[in-house]
Amino acid sequence: MRNILLVLLVLLLIGAFPAWPYSMHWGYAPSGLLSVLFIVLIVLAVTGRLS
């Protein structure tokens, strides 16, 4: 389960990088959403609910 979440997190990091011309106007939305997801995963890991 952790390996799947790690791979998913890496793919989201790559996808949140605004390197393509059509995604330049998105601003901080993709990386902000990814940051919230990362914080939730950290909290779940610390509390022991992430197996």
N, C-alpha and C. Protein backbone atom coordinates (compact mmCIF):
# COMPACT_ATOMS: atom_id res chain seq x y z
N MET A 1 0.82 -1.18 0.00
CA MET A 1 0.00 0.00 0.00
C MET A 1 0.87 1.26 0.00
N ARG A 2 1.92 1.25 0.78
CA ARG A 2 2.80 2.42 0.83
C ARG A 2 3.52 2.62 -0.49
N ASN A 3 3.89 1.53 -1.15
CA ASN A 3 4.58 1.67 -2.43
C ASN A 3 3.66 2.28 -3.48
N ILE A 4 2.41 1.89 -3.47
CA ILE A 4 1.45 2.46 -4.42
C ILE A 4 1.26 3.95 -4.16
N LEU A 5 1.16 4.32 -2.89
CA LEU A 5 1.01 5.74 -2.55
C LEU A 5 2.25 6.53 -2.89
N LEU A 6 3.41 5.94 -2.72
CA LEU A 6 4.66 6.62 -3.07
C LEU A 6 4.75 6.85 -4.57
N VAL A 7 4.41 5.86 -5.35
CA VAL A 7 4.43 6.01 -6.81
C VAL A 7 3.41 7.05 -7.24
N LEU A 8 2.22 7.02 -6.65
CA LEU A 8 1.20 7.99 -6.97
C LEU A 8 1.64 9.40 -6.62
N LEU A 9 2.30 9.57 -5.50
CA LEU A 9 2.79 10.87 -5.09
C LEU A 9 3.86 11.39 -6.04
N VAL A 10 4.75 10.54 -6.48
CA VAL A 10 5.79 10.95 -7.43
C VAL A 10 5.15 11.36 -8.76
N LEU A 11 4.18 10.59 -9.23
CA LEU A 11 3.50 10.94 -10.48
C LEU A 11 2.75 12.27 -10.35
N LEU A 12 2.15 12.53 -9.20
CA LEU A 12 1.48 13.81 -8.99
C LEU A 12 2.48 14.96 -8.94
N LEU A 13 3.64 14.73 -8.37
CA LEU A 13 4.68 15.76 -8.37
C LEU A 13 5.12 16.12 -9.77
N ILE A 14 5.29 15.12 -10.60
CA ILE A 14 5.68 15.37 -11.99
C ILE A 14 4.55 16.09 -12.73
N GLY A 15 3.33 15.68 -12.49
CA GLY A 15 2.19 16.30 -13.16
C GLY A 15 1.89 17.71 -12.69
N ALA A 16 2.28 18.06 -11.49
CA ALA A 16 2.01 19.41 -10.96
C ALA A 16 3.01 20.44 -11.44
N PHE A 17 4.09 20.00 -12.04
CA PHE A 17 5.12 20.93 -12.52
C PHE A 17 4.64 21.61 -13.80
N PRO A 18 4.47 22.94 -13.79
CA PRO A 18 3.92 23.64 -14.96
C PRO A 18 4.96 23.84 -16.06
N ALA A 19 5.32 22.79 -16.76
CA ALA A 19 6.35 22.88 -17.79
C ALA A 19 5.78 23.05 -19.19
N TRP A 20 4.49 22.84 -19.33
CA TRP A 20 3.89 22.90 -20.66
C TRP A 20 3.18 24.24 -20.83
N PRO A 21 3.18 24.78 -22.04
CA PRO A 21 2.60 26.12 -22.25
C PRO A 21 1.13 26.24 -21.85
N TYR A 22 0.35 25.21 -22.05
CA TYR A 22 -1.08 25.32 -21.71
C TYR A 22 -1.33 25.32 -20.21
N SER A 23 -0.35 24.91 -19.41
CA SER A 23 -0.56 24.85 -17.96
C SER A 23 0.05 26.03 -17.21
N MET A 24 0.62 26.97 -17.90
CA MET A 24 1.24 28.12 -17.24
C MET A 24 0.22 29.00 -16.52
N HIS A 25 -1.02 29.08 -17.02
CA HIS A 25 -2.02 29.94 -16.41
C HIS A 25 -2.72 29.30 -15.22
N TRP A 26 -2.37 28.07 -14.88
CA TRP A 26 -3.00 27.39 -13.76
C TRP A 26 -2.56 27.96 -12.41
N GLY A 27 -1.42 28.59 -12.35
CA GLY A 27 -0.93 29.18 -11.11
C GLY A 27 -0.48 28.12 -10.11
N TYR A 28 -0.82 28.33 -8.85
CA TYR A 28 -0.38 27.44 -7.78
C TYR A 28 -1.39 26.34 -7.47
N ALA A 29 -2.45 26.23 -8.23
CA ALA A 29 -3.51 25.26 -7.93
C ALA A 29 -3.01 23.81 -7.90
N PRO A 30 -2.28 23.33 -8.92
CA PRO A 30 -1.85 21.92 -8.86
C PRO A 30 -0.89 21.63 -7.72
N SER A 31 0.06 22.52 -7.50
CA SER A 31 1.02 22.26 -6.42
C SER A 31 0.38 22.48 -5.05
N GLY A 32 -0.59 23.37 -4.95
CA GLY A 32 -1.29 23.57 -3.68
C GLY A 32 -2.13 22.37 -3.32
N LEU A 33 -2.81 21.79 -4.30
CA LEU A 33 -3.59 20.59 -4.07
C LEU A 33 -2.69 19.42 -3.70
N LEU A 34 -1.56 19.35 -4.36
CA LEU A 34 -0.59 18.29 -4.05
C LEU A 34 -0.03 18.46 -2.64
N SER A 35 0.19 19.68 -2.21
CA SER A 35 0.69 19.93 -0.85
C SER A 35 -0.33 19.49 0.20
N VAL A 36 -1.60 19.77 -0.04
CA VAL A 36 -2.64 19.34 0.89
C VAL A 36 -2.70 17.82 0.96
N LEU A 37 -2.62 17.16 -0.19
CA LEU A 37 -2.62 15.70 -0.23
C LEU A 37 -1.41 15.13 0.52
N PHE A 38 -0.26 15.75 0.34
CA PHE A 38 0.95 15.31 1.02
C PHE A 38 0.83 15.47 2.53
N ILE A 39 0.25 16.57 2.98
CA ILE A 39 0.06 16.79 4.42
C ILE A 39 -0.90 15.76 5.00
N VAL A 40 -1.96 15.45 4.27
CA VAL A 40 -2.91 14.43 4.74
C VAL A 40 -2.22 13.07 4.85
N LEU A 41 -1.40 12.72 3.87
CA LEU A 41 -0.67 11.45 3.92
C LEU A 41 0.30 11.41 5.09
N ILE A 42 0.97 12.51 5.39
CA ILE A 42 1.88 12.57 6.53
C ILE A 42 1.12 12.38 7.84
N VAL A 43 -0.03 13.05 7.97
CA VAL A 43 -0.83 12.91 9.18
C VAL A 43 -1.31 11.48 9.35
N LEU A 44 -1.76 10.85 8.25
CA LEU A 44 -2.21 9.46 8.33
C LEU A 44 -1.05 8.53 8.70
N ALA A 45 0.13 8.79 8.19
CA ALA A 45 1.29 7.95 8.51
C ALA A 45 1.70 8.10 9.98
N VAL A 46 1.64 9.33 10.49
CA VAL A 46 2.04 9.58 11.88
C VAL A 46 1.03 8.96 12.84
N THR A 47 -0.24 9.04 12.52
CA THR A 47 -1.25 8.49 13.42
C THR A 47 -1.38 6.97 13.32
N GLY A 48 -0.74 6.38 12.32
CA GLY A 48 -0.75 4.93 12.18
C GLY A 48 -1.92 4.38 11.40
N ARG A 49 -2.69 5.21 10.75
CA ARG A 49 -3.85 4.75 9.98
C ARG A 49 -3.47 4.36 8.56
N LEU A 50 -2.25 4.62 8.18
CA LEU A 50 -1.76 4.27 6.85
C LEU A 50 -0.96 2.98 6.97
N SER A 51 -1.47 1.91 6.39
CA SER A 51 -0.80 0.62 6.56
C SER A 51 0.18 0.35 5.45
